[in-house]
Amino acid sequence: MRGWLRYFALNAQVRTGVSGWVLVLAIIAAAAAAAAVVFLLVAAFVWLADVYDSLTAGVVLGCAFALIALIALVACLMTRRRNMERARLELAARSSTSWLDPKLVAVGVQIGQAIGWRRLASLAALAVLAGAAAKEWSTRAKPADDDEAEGDESGSED
């Protein structure tokens, strides 16, 4: 199971390029950017307070941020609606390619006739049996590790 998790993690890393260090550096960059924004806002307030009075400076900055928030909200709603429509179209496209496509059914019938229905049923039963055996064998080794962990936990509670 850990092999599969590692595979998915590496696959995600190939696509996104994200690792532990990238996240740490991104957090540092975000904190520095937030501090820079705070200092620039204080400087803008002081400059506006010098040019006008402090009440006007506060109102101007407040209105500017309200306008930015309104624009971001409208953009968010438009993006959400576009994503919903894109997902709806993709679902409609996927539902049209079902497993009951006449071409796939015809190929399945031809395979069944070529191999023989009894052999095909036997192969399917063998595949189910092999899958069940593999699942049993893979879970047989794991409870030993879990029992040791439970034994350690119960021993520390006594």
N, C-alpha and C. Protein backbone atom coordinates (compact mmCIF):
# COMPACT_ATOMS: atom_id res chain seq x y z
N MET A 1 0.83 -1.20 0.00
CA MET A 1 0.00 0.00 0.00
C MET A 1 0.87 1.25 0.00
N ARG A 2 1.98 1.20 0.71
CA ARG A 2 2.85 2.36 0.76
C ARG A 2 3.46 2.64 -0.61
N GLY A 3 3.69 1.58 -1.39
CA GLY A 3 4.21 1.76 -2.74
C GLY A 3 3.24 2.56 -3.60
N TRP A 4 1.95 2.26 -3.48
CA TRP A 4 0.96 2.99 -4.26
C TRP A 4 0.88 4.44 -3.80
N LEU A 5 0.92 4.66 -2.48
CA LEU A 5 0.87 6.04 -1.98
C LEU A 5 2.08 6.83 -2.47
N ARG A 6 3.25 6.20 -2.45
CA ARG A 6 4.46 6.86 -2.93
C ARG A 6 4.35 7.16 -4.42
N TYR A 7 3.77 6.21 -5.17
CA TYR A 7 3.57 6.41 -6.60
C TYR A 7 2.67 7.62 -6.85
N PHE A 8 1.54 7.70 -6.13
CA PHE A 8 0.63 8.83 -6.31
C PHE A 8 1.28 10.14 -5.89
N ALA A 9 2.08 10.09 -4.82
CA ALA A 9 2.77 11.30 -4.37
C ALA A 9 3.78 11.77 -5.42
N LEU A 10 4.53 10.82 -5.98
CA LEU A 10 5.50 11.20 -7.02
C LEU A 10 4.80 11.69 -8.28
N ASN A 11 3.67 11.07 -8.61
CA ASN A 11 2.91 11.50 -9.78
C ASN A 11 2.39 12.93 -9.58
N ALA A 12 1.90 13.22 -8.40
CA ALA A 12 1.44 14.59 -8.10
C ALA A 12 2.60 15.57 -8.11
N GLN A 13 3.77 15.12 -7.64
CA GLN A 13 4.94 15.99 -7.62
C GLN A 13 5.42 16.29 -9.03
N VAL A 14 5.31 15.30 -9.93
CA VAL A 14 5.69 15.53 -11.32
C VAL A 14 4.77 16.57 -11.95
N ARG A 15 3.48 16.49 -11.64
CA ARG A 15 2.52 17.40 -12.26
C ARG A 15 2.55 18.80 -11.65
N THR A 16 2.74 18.89 -10.33
CA THR A 16 2.66 20.19 -9.67
C THR A 16 4.01 20.76 -9.28
N GLY A 17 4.99 19.89 -9.04
CA GLY A 17 6.31 20.36 -8.61
C GLY A 17 6.36 20.73 -7.15
N VAL A 18 5.37 20.32 -6.36
CA VAL A 18 5.29 20.70 -4.95
C VAL A 18 6.04 19.68 -4.10
N SER A 19 6.85 20.19 -3.18
CA SER A 19 7.54 19.35 -2.19
C SER A 19 7.50 20.09 -0.86
N GLY A 20 8.12 19.51 0.15
CA GLY A 20 8.14 20.14 1.47
C GLY A 20 8.82 21.49 1.46
N TRP A 21 9.97 21.56 0.78
CA TRP A 21 10.71 22.82 0.73
C TRP A 21 9.95 23.88 -0.06
N VAL A 22 9.28 23.47 -1.10
CA VAL A 22 8.50 24.44 -1.88
C VAL A 22 7.40 25.04 -1.01
N LEU A 23 6.75 24.20 -0.20
CA LEU A 23 5.69 24.71 0.68
C LEU A 23 6.25 25.66 1.73
N VAL A 24 7.39 25.31 2.32
CA VAL A 24 8.01 26.17 3.33
C VAL A 24 8.38 27.52 2.73
N LEU A 25 9.00 27.48 1.55
CA LEU A 25 9.38 28.75 0.91
C LEU A 25 8.16 29.55 0.48
N ALA A 26 7.10 28.89 0.07
CA ALA A 26 5.87 29.60 -0.29
C ALA A 26 5.24 30.26 0.93
N ILE A 27 5.29 29.60 2.08
CA ILE A 27 4.76 30.19 3.32
C ILE A 27 5.58 31.41 3.72
N ILE A 28 6.90 31.31 3.60
CA ILE A 28 7.76 32.45 3.92
C ILE A 28 7.46 33.62 2.97
N ALA A 29 7.30 33.32 1.68
CA ALA A 29 7.00 34.37 0.71
C ALA A 29 5.64 35.00 1.00
N ALA A 30 4.66 34.21 1.38
CA ALA A 30 3.33 34.74 1.69
C ALA A 30 3.38 35.64 2.92
N ALA A 31 4.13 35.23 3.95
CA ALA A 31 4.25 36.05 5.16
C ALA A 31 4.96 37.37 4.85
N ALA A 32 6.01 37.32 4.03
CA ALA A 32 6.73 38.54 3.67
C ALA A 32 5.84 39.46 2.83
N ALA A 33 5.05 38.88 1.94
CA ALA A 33 4.15 39.68 1.12
C ALA A 33 3.08 40.33 1.99
N ALA A 34 2.56 39.59 2.97
CA ALA A 34 1.55 40.16 3.87
C ALA A 34 2.14 41.32 4.67
N ALA A 35 3.37 41.15 5.15
CA ALA A 35 4.02 42.23 5.90
C ALA A 35 4.25 43.45 5.00
N ALA A 36 4.64 43.22 3.76
CA ALA A 36 4.85 44.33 2.83
C ALA A 36 3.55 45.07 2.56
N VAL A 37 2.47 44.34 2.41
CA VAL A 37 1.17 44.97 2.18
C VAL A 37 0.77 45.81 3.38
N VAL A 38 0.99 45.31 4.58
CA VAL A 38 0.65 46.07 5.79
C VAL A 38 1.45 47.37 5.84
N PHE A 39 2.77 47.29 5.58
CA PHE A 39 3.58 48.51 5.62
C PHE A 39 3.18 49.49 4.51
N LEU A 40 2.87 48.98 3.32
CA LEU A 40 2.44 49.89 2.25
C LEU A 40 1.10 50.54 2.57
N LEU A 41 0.20 49.80 3.23
CA LEU A 41 -1.08 50.39 3.61
C LEU A 41 -0.90 51.47 4.68
N VAL A 42 -0.01 51.21 5.63
CA VAL A 42 0.26 52.23 6.65
C VAL A 42 0.86 53.47 6.00
N ALA A 43 1.78 53.25 5.06
CA ALA A 43 2.38 54.39 4.36
C ALA A 43 1.34 55.16 3.55
N ALA A 44 0.43 54.42 2.89
CA ALA A 44 -0.62 55.09 2.11
C ALA A 44 -1.54 55.88 3.04
N PHE A 45 -1.86 55.32 4.19
CA PHE A 45 -2.71 56.03 5.15
C PHE A 45 -2.02 57.30 5.64
N VAL A 46 -0.73 57.19 5.98
CA VAL A 46 0.00 58.37 6.47
C VAL A 46 0.06 59.44 5.38
N TRP A 47 0.33 59.03 4.14
CA TRP A 47 0.41 59.99 3.04
C TRP A 47 -0.95 60.66 2.81
N LEU A 48 -2.03 59.85 2.79
CA LEU A 48 -3.36 60.43 2.61
C LEU A 48 -3.75 61.33 3.79
N ALA A 49 -3.32 60.96 4.99
CA ALA A 49 -3.62 61.79 6.16
C ALA A 49 -2.88 63.12 6.09
N ASP A 50 -1.68 63.12 5.48
CA ASP A 50 -0.95 64.37 5.31
C ASP A 50 -1.62 65.26 4.27
N VAL A 51 -2.05 64.64 3.17
CA VAL A 51 -2.66 65.42 2.09
C VAL A 51 -4.05 65.89 2.50
N TYR A 52 -4.85 65.01 3.07
CA TYR A 52 -6.20 65.35 3.53
C TYR A 52 -6.19 65.22 5.05
N ASP A 53 -7.27 64.85 5.65
CA ASP A 53 -7.25 64.57 7.09
C ASP A 53 -7.35 63.05 7.29
N SER A 54 -7.22 62.60 8.53
CA SER A 54 -7.16 61.16 8.80
C SER A 54 -8.50 60.47 8.52
N LEU A 55 -9.60 61.15 8.75
CA LEU A 55 -10.91 60.57 8.46
C LEU A 55 -11.07 60.30 6.97
N THR A 56 -10.69 61.24 6.15
CA THR A 56 -10.78 61.07 4.69
C THR A 56 -9.86 59.93 4.24
N ALA A 57 -8.67 59.86 4.81
CA ALA A 57 -7.73 58.79 4.45
C ALA A 57 -8.33 57.43 4.78
N GLY A 58 -8.95 57.29 5.94
CA GLY A 58 -9.58 56.03 6.32
C GLY A 58 -10.73 55.66 5.41
N VAL A 59 -11.55 56.66 5.04
CA VAL A 59 -12.69 56.41 4.16
C VAL A 59 -12.20 56.00 2.77
N VAL A 60 -11.19 56.67 2.26
CA VAL A 60 -10.66 56.34 0.92
C VAL A 60 -10.11 54.92 0.90
N LEU A 61 -9.30 54.56 1.89
CA LEU A 61 -8.75 53.20 1.92
C LEU A 61 -9.85 52.16 2.14
N GLY A 62 -10.83 52.47 2.98
CA GLY A 62 -11.94 51.55 3.20
C GLY A 62 -12.76 51.32 1.93
N CYS A 63 -13.04 52.39 1.20
CA CYS A 63 -13.77 52.25 -0.07
C CYS A 63 -12.96 51.49 -1.10
N ALA A 64 -11.66 51.73 -1.13
CA ALA A 64 -10.81 50.99 -2.08
C ALA A 64 -10.86 49.50 -1.79
N PHE A 65 -10.78 49.12 -0.52
CA PHE A 65 -10.83 47.69 -0.19
C PHE A 65 -12.22 47.10 -0.40
N ALA A 66 -13.26 47.86 -0.18
CA ALA A 66 -14.61 47.37 -0.47
C ALA A 66 -14.78 47.13 -1.96
N LEU A 67 -14.23 48.02 -2.79
CA LEU A 67 -14.30 47.84 -4.24
C LEU A 67 -13.51 46.61 -4.68
N ILE A 68 -12.33 46.41 -4.11
CA ILE A 68 -11.53 45.23 -4.43
C ILE A 68 -12.27 43.95 -4.03
N ALA A 69 -12.89 43.96 -2.86
CA ALA A 69 -13.65 42.79 -2.39
C ALA A 69 -14.84 42.52 -3.30
N LEU A 70 -15.53 43.56 -3.75
CA LEU A 70 -16.67 43.39 -4.64
C LEU A 70 -16.24 42.81 -5.99
N ILE A 71 -15.15 43.32 -6.53
CA ILE A 71 -14.63 42.80 -7.81
C ILE A 71 -14.22 41.34 -7.66
N ALA A 72 -13.56 41.00 -6.56
CA ALA A 72 -13.15 39.62 -6.33
C ALA A 72 -14.36 38.70 -6.16
N LEU A 73 -15.40 39.17 -5.50
CA LEU A 73 -16.61 38.36 -5.33
C LEU A 73 -17.29 38.10 -6.66
N VAL A 74 -17.40 39.12 -7.50
CA VAL A 74 -18.01 38.93 -8.82
C VAL A 74 -17.17 37.97 -9.66
N ALA A 75 -15.85 38.12 -9.63
CA ALA A 75 -14.98 37.20 -10.38
C ALA A 75 -15.11 35.78 -9.86
N CYS A 76 -15.23 35.62 -8.54
CA CYS A 76 -15.39 34.30 -7.94
C CYS A 76 -16.69 33.64 -8.40
N LEU A 77 -17.78 34.40 -8.39
CA LEU A 77 -19.07 33.86 -8.81
C LEU A 77 -19.07 33.50 -10.30
N MET A 78 -18.43 34.33 -11.12
CA MET A 78 -18.36 34.02 -12.54
C MET A 78 -17.52 32.78 -12.80
N THR A 79 -16.41 32.64 -12.09
CA THR A 79 -15.56 31.46 -12.24
C THR A 79 -16.28 30.21 -11.76
N ARG A 80 -17.00 30.32 -10.67
CA ARG A 80 -17.77 29.18 -10.14
C ARG A 80 -18.81 28.73 -11.16
N ARG A 81 -19.54 29.67 -11.73
CA ARG A 81 -20.55 29.34 -12.72
C ARG A 81 -19.92 28.69 -13.95
N ARG A 82 -18.77 29.21 -14.39
CA ARG A 82 -18.07 28.64 -15.55
C ARG A 82 -17.58 27.23 -15.24
N ASN A 83 -17.06 27.00 -14.05
CA ASN A 83 -16.61 25.66 -13.66
C ASN A 83 -17.77 24.68 -13.60
N MET A 84 -18.92 25.13 -13.07
CA MET A 84 -20.08 24.26 -13.01
C MET A 84 -20.55 23.88 -14.42
N GLU A 85 -20.55 24.83 -15.32
CA GLU A 85 -20.98 24.55 -16.69
C GLU A 85 -19.99 23.61 -17.39
N ARG A 86 -18.69 23.84 -17.16
CA ARG A 86 -17.67 22.97 -17.76
C ARG A 86 -17.81 21.55 -17.24
N ALA A 87 -18.04 21.40 -15.94
CA ALA A 87 -18.21 20.07 -15.36
C ALA A 87 -19.49 19.42 -15.88
N ARG A 88 -20.55 20.20 -16.04
CA ARG A 88 -21.81 19.67 -16.57
C ARG A 88 -21.62 19.15 -17.99
N LEU A 89 -20.89 19.91 -18.82
CA LEU A 89 -20.62 19.47 -20.19
C LEU A 89 -19.76 18.21 -20.23
N GLU A 90 -18.76 18.15 -19.34
CA GLU A 90 -17.90 16.97 -19.30
C GLU A 90 -18.66 15.73 -18.84
N LEU A 91 -19.55 15.91 -17.87
CA LEU A 91 -20.37 14.78 -17.44
C LEU A 91 -21.30 14.31 -18.55
N ALA A 92 -21.85 15.24 -19.29
CA ALA A 92 -22.71 14.88 -20.41
C ALA A 92 -21.92 14.13 -21.48
N ALA A 93 -20.69 14.55 -21.72
CA ALA A 93 -19.86 13.87 -22.71
C ALA A 93 -19.49 12.46 -22.23
N ARG A 94 -19.23 12.31 -20.93
CA ARG A 94 -18.88 10.99 -20.40
C ARG A 94 -20.07 10.04 -20.41
N SER A 95 -21.25 10.56 -20.15
CA SER A 95 -22.42 9.68 -20.09
C SER A 95 -22.78 9.16 -21.47
N SER A 96 -22.39 9.89 -22.52
CA SER A 96 -22.70 9.42 -23.86
C SER A 96 -21.82 8.25 -24.27
N THR A 97 -20.65 8.10 -23.66
CA THR A 97 -19.77 6.97 -23.97
C THR A 97 -19.92 5.94 -22.86
N SER A 98 -20.97 5.19 -22.91
CA SER A 98 -21.22 4.20 -21.86
C SER A 98 -20.70 2.84 -22.28
N TRP A 99 -20.70 1.92 -21.33
CA TRP A 99 -20.26 0.55 -21.60
C TRP A 99 -21.27 -0.20 -22.46
N LEU A 100 -22.46 0.31 -22.57
CA LEU A 100 -23.48 -0.35 -23.37
C LEU A 100 -23.49 0.17 -24.80
N ASP A 101 -22.37 0.69 -25.23
CA ASP A 101 -22.23 1.13 -26.61
C ASP A 101 -22.38 -0.09 -27.51
N PRO A 102 -23.17 -0.02 -28.57
CA PRO A 102 -23.39 -1.19 -29.42
C PRO A 102 -22.10 -1.79 -29.98
N LYS A 103 -21.10 -0.96 -30.26
CA LYS A 103 -19.83 -1.49 -30.76
C LYS A 103 -19.14 -2.33 -29.69
N LEU A 104 -19.14 -1.84 -28.44
CA LEU A 104 -18.50 -2.61 -27.37
C LEU A 104 -19.26 -3.89 -27.08
N VAL A 105 -20.57 -3.83 -27.11
CA VAL A 105 -21.38 -5.03 -26.88
C VAL A 105 -21.11 -6.05 -27.98
N ALA A 106 -21.01 -5.58 -29.24
CA ALA A 106 -20.74 -6.50 -30.35
C ALA A 106 -19.36 -7.14 -30.20
N VAL A 107 -18.38 -6.37 -29.78
CA VAL A 107 -17.04 -6.93 -29.56
C VAL A 107 -17.08 -7.95 -28.43
N GLY A 108 -17.81 -7.66 -27.36
CA GLY A 108 -17.93 -8.60 -26.25
C GLY A 108 -18.60 -9.89 -26.67
N VAL A 109 -19.63 -9.79 -27.49
CA VAL A 109 -20.32 -10.99 -27.97
C VAL A 109 -19.39 -11.81 -28.86
N GLN A 110 -18.62 -11.14 -29.70
CA GLN A 110 -17.68 -11.86 -30.56
C GLN A 110 -16.61 -12.56 -29.75
N ILE A 111 -16.10 -11.90 -28.71
CA ILE A 111 -15.09 -12.54 -27.84
C ILE A 111 -15.71 -13.73 -27.14
N GLY A 112 -16.93 -13.55 -26.64
CA GLY A 112 -17.61 -14.67 -25.97
C GLY A 112 -17.83 -15.85 -26.90
N GLN A 113 -18.18 -15.59 -28.15
CA GLN A 113 -18.39 -16.67 -29.10
C GLN A 113 -17.07 -17.32 -29.50
N ALA A 114 -16.00 -16.52 -29.63
CA ALA A 114 -14.72 -17.07 -30.05
C ALA A 114 -14.11 -17.95 -28.95
N ILE A 115 -14.16 -17.48 -27.72
CA ILE A 115 -13.58 -18.24 -26.61
C ILE A 115 -14.55 -19.31 -26.15
N GLY A 116 -15.79 -19.01 -26.17
CA GLY A 116 -16.80 -19.92 -25.65
C GLY A 116 -17.30 -19.37 -24.32
N TRP A 117 -18.61 -19.40 -24.15
CA TRP A 117 -19.20 -18.80 -22.97
C TRP A 117 -18.82 -19.55 -21.71
N ARG A 118 -18.70 -20.85 -21.78
CA ARG A 118 -18.33 -21.62 -20.58
C ARG A 118 -16.89 -21.32 -20.17
N ARG A 119 -15.99 -21.23 -21.13
CA ARG A 119 -14.59 -20.90 -20.81
C ARG A 119 -14.50 -19.48 -20.26
N LEU A 120 -15.26 -18.57 -20.86
CA LEU A 120 -15.24 -17.19 -20.41
C LEU A 120 -15.77 -17.07 -18.97
N ALA A 121 -16.83 -17.82 -18.66
CA ALA A 121 -17.36 -17.82 -17.30
C ALA A 121 -16.35 -18.43 -16.33
N SER A 122 -15.66 -19.48 -16.77
CA SER A 122 -14.63 -20.09 -15.93
C SER A 122 -13.48 -19.13 -15.68
N LEU A 123 -13.07 -18.39 -16.73
CA LEU A 123 -11.99 -17.41 -16.55
C LEU A 123 -12.42 -16.28 -15.61
N ALA A 124 -13.66 -15.84 -15.72
CA ALA A 124 -14.15 -14.80 -14.82
C ALA A 124 -14.18 -15.28 -13.38
N ALA A 125 -14.65 -16.52 -13.16
CA ALA A 125 -14.67 -17.08 -11.81
C ALA A 125 -13.26 -17.22 -11.27
N LEU A 126 -12.31 -17.63 -12.11
CA LEU A 126 -10.92 -17.77 -11.70
C LEU A 126 -10.33 -16.40 -11.33
N ALA A 127 -10.68 -15.38 -12.10
CA ALA A 127 -10.19 -14.03 -11.80
C ALA A 127 -10.72 -13.53 -10.47
N VAL A 128 -12.01 -13.79 -10.19
CA VAL A 128 -12.59 -13.39 -8.91
C VAL A 128 -11.92 -14.14 -7.77
N LEU A 129 -11.69 -15.43 -7.95
CA LEU A 129 -11.03 -16.24 -6.93
C LEU A 129 -9.60 -15.76 -6.68
N ALA A 130 -8.87 -15.46 -7.75
CA ALA A 130 -7.50 -14.96 -7.60
C ALA A 130 -7.48 -13.61 -6.88
N GLY A 131 -8.43 -12.73 -7.20
CA GLY A 131 -8.51 -11.44 -6.53
C GLY A 131 -8.80 -11.59 -5.05
N ALA A 132 -9.72 -12.50 -4.70
CA ALA A 132 -10.04 -12.73 -3.29
C ALA A 132 -8.84 -13.31 -2.55
N ALA A 133 -8.12 -14.24 -3.18
CA ALA A 133 -6.94 -14.82 -2.55
C ALA A 133 -5.85 -13.77 -2.35
N ALA A 134 -5.66 -12.93 -3.34
CA ALA A 134 -4.64 -11.89 -3.22
C ALA A 134 -4.99 -10.91 -2.11
N LYS A 135 -6.26 -10.58 -2.00
CA LYS A 135 -6.69 -9.69 -0.92
C LYS A 135 -6.47 -10.33 0.43
N GLU A 136 -6.79 -11.61 0.54
CA GLU A 136 -6.60 -12.33 1.80
C GLU A 136 -5.13 -12.39 2.19
N TRP A 137 -4.28 -12.70 1.23
CA TRP A 137 -2.85 -12.79 1.52
C TRP A 137 -2.26 -11.42 1.86
N SER A 138 -2.73 -10.37 1.22
CA SER A 138 -2.18 -9.04 1.51
C SER A 138 -2.62 -8.55 2.89
N THR A 139 -3.82 -8.93 3.33
CA THR A 139 -4.28 -8.50 4.65
C THR A 139 -3.80 -9.41 5.76
N ARG A 140 -3.30 -10.60 5.41
CA ARG A 140 -2.84 -11.54 6.42
C ARG A 140 -1.59 -11.02 7.13
N ALA A 141 -0.70 -10.33 6.43
CA ALA A 141 0.53 -9.82 7.04
C ALA A 141 0.28 -8.54 7.84
N LYS A 142 -0.70 -7.77 7.48
CA LYS A 142 -0.95 -6.49 8.14
C LYS A 142 -1.47 -6.62 9.57
N PRO A 143 -2.36 -7.56 9.92
CA PRO A 143 -2.86 -7.61 11.29
C PRO A 143 -1.75 -7.87 12.31
N ALA A 144 -0.66 -8.53 11.93
CA ALA A 144 0.43 -8.75 12.87
C ALA A 144 1.03 -7.41 13.30
N ASP A 145 1.19 -6.49 12.35
CA ASP A 145 1.70 -5.16 12.68
C ASP A 145 0.69 -4.40 13.53
N ASP A 146 -0.59 -4.51 13.19
CA ASP A 146 -1.63 -3.83 13.95
C ASP A 146 -1.75 -4.39 15.36
N ASP A 147 -1.59 -5.74 15.53
CA ASP A 147 -1.67 -6.36 16.85
C ASP A 147 -0.54 -5.88 17.75
N GLU A 148 0.66 -5.72 17.17
CA GLU A 148 1.78 -5.22 17.98
C GLU A 148 1.50 -3.79 18.44
N ALA A 149 0.95 -2.97 17.55
CA ALA A 149 0.64 -1.58 17.92
C ALA A 149 -0.44 -1.55 18.99
N GLU A 150 -1.44 -2.42 18.88
CA GLU A 150 -2.49 -2.46 19.89
C GLU A 150 -1.94 -2.96 21.21
N GLY A 151 -1.02 -3.93 21.15
CA GLY A 151 -0.41 -4.47 22.37
C GLY A 151 0.41 -3.43 23.09
N ASP A 152 1.12 -2.58 22.31
CA ASP A 152 1.90 -1.50 22.92
C ASP A 152 0.99 -0.47 23.56
N GLU A 153 -0.13 -0.15 22.92
CA GLU A 153 -1.05 0.83 23.47
C GLU A 153 -1.72 0.31 24.72
N SER A 154 -2.13 -0.97 24.69
CA SER A 154 -2.82 -1.51 25.86
C SER A 154 -1.84 -1.70 27.02
N GLY A 155 -0.56 -1.97 26.70
CA GLY A 155 0.43 -2.14 27.78
C GLY A 155 0.74 -0.83 28.45
N SER A 156 0.69 0.28 27.71
CA SER A 156 1.00 1.57 28.32
C SER A 156 -0.15 2.09 29.15
N GLU A 157 -1.36 1.60 28.91
CA GLU A 157 -2.50 2.09 29.65
C GLU A 157 -2.59 1.41 31.02
N ASP A 158 -2.01 0.21 31.20
CA ASP A 158 -2.11 -0.50 32.48
C ASP A 158 -1.33 0.14 33.56
